[in-house]
Amino acid sequence: MYGLHRIMCLKHLMVDFLVVLALSVGCSADKYEVLPTAKQKYSLDEVRQRVGELQPGMSKLEVLAILGSPAVRKPNSWQYLPERSGYIVPAKALHIEFENNRVTGHRYVPIVLGEQFK
């Protein structure tokens, strides 16, 4: 009797899984993309070595896979900062721009003390 009960539970679990899978297949990844949040994963030197892999049209998830988490995350832009931002020396941050959750471009922008990133 225990074996039959176990088989029925597994069948219900499998049906639930298939329903969730079927519902999620119809969803667009771009529209409902959930991105992990964290501190900047790599140093700016490591990010600079990897930035050549970025291509226009990449999703934010693809950028995360290449560059790791950014230091500053806004809806349409991310910034990767030098790890020692407390020094008062000329420094630049990598600025990545997005439109509809896709990369439209990237550039290095000067870090100006007292100003927020746009």
Protein backbone atom coordinates (compact mmCIF):
# COMPACT_ATOMS: atom_id res chain seq x y z
CA MET A 1 0.00 0.00 0.00
CA TYR A 2 2.88 2.34 0.83
CA GLY A 3 4.36 1.84 -2.65
CA LEU A 4 1.09 2.76 -4.37
CA HIS A 5 0.77 5.94 -2.27
CA ARG A 6 4.33 6.90 -3.19
CA ILE A 7 3.68 6.37 -6.90
CA MET A 8 0.55 8.56 -6.73
CA CYS A 9 2.50 11.34 -4.98
CA LEU A 10 5.18 11.20 -7.65
CA LYS A 11 2.54 11.39 -10.39
CA HIS A 12 1.01 14.50 -8.80
CA LEU A 13 4.44 16.06 -8.46
CA MET A 14 5.22 15.32 -12.11
CA VAL A 15 1.89 16.83 -13.24
CA ASP A 16 2.53 19.97 -11.17
CA PHE A 17 6.01 20.28 -12.67
CA LEU A 18 4.70 19.90 -16.23
CA VAL A 19 2.01 22.54 -15.64
CA VAL A 20 4.58 25.03 -14.33
CA LEU A 21 6.91 24.22 -17.21
CA ALA A 22 4.14 24.66 -19.79
CA LEU A 23 3.14 28.02 -18.30
CA SER A 24 6.71 29.28 -18.20
CA VAL A 25 7.48 28.34 -21.81
CA GLY A 26 5.04 30.99 -23.05
CA CYS A 27 6.73 33.77 -21.06
CA SER A 28 9.33 35.96 -22.70
CA ALA A 29 12.65 35.89 -20.81
CA ASP A 30 13.23 39.58 -21.56
CA LYS A 31 9.88 40.66 -20.19
CA TYR A 32 10.13 38.73 -16.91
CA GLU A 33 13.89 38.50 -16.48
CA VAL A 34 14.89 38.22 -12.83
CA LEU A 35 18.51 39.21 -12.27
CA PRO A 36 20.50 38.38 -9.17
CA THR A 37 21.79 41.34 -7.18
CA ALA A 38 25.20 41.43 -5.55
CA LYS A 39 28.27 43.58 -5.11
CA GLN A 40 30.55 43.99 -8.10
CA LYS A 41 31.92 40.50 -8.71
CA TYR A 42 35.17 41.19 -10.56
CA SER A 43 37.78 43.93 -10.30
CA LEU A 44 37.62 46.59 -12.98
CA ASP A 45 40.84 45.21 -14.48
CA GLU A 46 39.15 41.83 -14.95
CA VAL A 47 36.06 43.51 -16.37
CA ARG A 48 38.24 45.44 -18.87
CA GLN A 49 39.73 42.15 -20.07
CA ARG A 50 36.25 40.71 -20.68
CA VAL A 51 34.46 43.78 -22.09
CA GLY A 52 35.51 42.85 -25.63
CA GLU A 53 33.05 39.95 -25.47
CA LEU A 54 30.07 42.34 -25.22
CA GLN A 55 27.93 42.65 -28.32
CA PRO A 56 25.02 45.00 -29.04
CA GLY A 57 21.73 43.20 -28.46
CA MET A 58 22.96 40.99 -25.60
CA SER A 59 20.58 40.55 -22.68
CA LYS A 60 21.38 41.69 -19.15
CA LEU A 61 21.69 38.04 -18.15
CA GLU A 62 24.35 37.51 -20.84
CA VAL A 63 26.24 40.58 -19.58
CA LEU A 64 26.10 39.17 -16.04
CA ALA A 65 27.57 35.90 -17.30
CA ILE A 66 30.50 37.73 -18.90
CA LEU A 67 31.20 40.63 -16.51
CA GLY A 68 29.55 39.58 -13.26
CA SER A 69 27.44 41.87 -11.10
CA PRO A 70 27.88 45.64 -11.57
CA ALA A 71 28.61 48.07 -8.73
CA VAL A 72 25.76 50.40 -9.77
CA ARG A 73 22.60 49.05 -11.35
CA LYS A 74 19.92 51.32 -12.82
CA PRO A 75 17.07 50.25 -15.12
CA ASN A 76 18.80 51.40 -18.32
CA SER A 77 22.47 51.42 -17.32
CA TRP A 78 25.06 49.58 -15.26
CA GLN A 79 28.44 50.82 -14.01
CA TYR A 80 31.52 48.84 -13.09
CA LEU A 81 33.82 50.80 -10.76
CA PRO A 82 37.47 50.61 -9.74
CA GLU A 83 37.76 48.63 -6.52
CA ARG A 84 39.50 51.53 -4.75
CA SER A 85 37.05 54.31 -5.44
CA GLY A 86 38.19 56.18 -2.30
CA TYR A 87 41.37 57.43 -3.94
CA ILE A 88 41.28 60.97 -5.26
CA VAL A 89 42.90 60.30 -8.61
CA PRO A 90 41.55 60.46 -12.14
CA ALA A 91 39.55 57.28 -12.62
CA LYS A 92 37.00 55.93 -15.07
CA ALA A 93 34.08 53.54 -14.73
CA LEU A 94 32.70 51.22 -17.37
CA HIS A 95 29.18 52.40 -18.28
CA ILE A 96 26.89 49.95 -20.14
CA GLU A 97 23.65 51.23 -21.65
CA PHE A 98 20.51 49.15 -22.19
CA GLU A 99 17.30 49.65 -24.12
CA ASN A 100 14.50 47.09 -23.71
CA ASN A 101 16.91 45.07 -21.54
CA ARG A 102 19.40 44.75 -24.42
CA VAL A 103 22.90 46.23 -24.70
CA THR A 104 22.98 49.31 -26.91
CA GLY A 105 26.54 50.37 -26.12
CA HIS A 106 29.29 50.80 -23.58
CA ARG A 107 31.96 53.38 -22.80
CA TYR A 108 34.28 54.51 -20.04
CA VAL A 109 33.11 57.60 -18.15
CA PRO A 110 35.14 59.75 -15.74
CA ILE A 111 34.33 59.41 -12.07
CA VAL A 112 33.62 62.90 -10.70
CA LEU A 113 33.59 63.21 -6.92
CA GLY A 114 30.22 64.26 -5.56
CA GLU A 115 28.27 63.41 -8.72
CA GLN A 116 25.99 60.43 -9.25
CA PHE A 117 26.09 58.26 -12.33
CA LYS A 118 23.41 58.88 -14.94
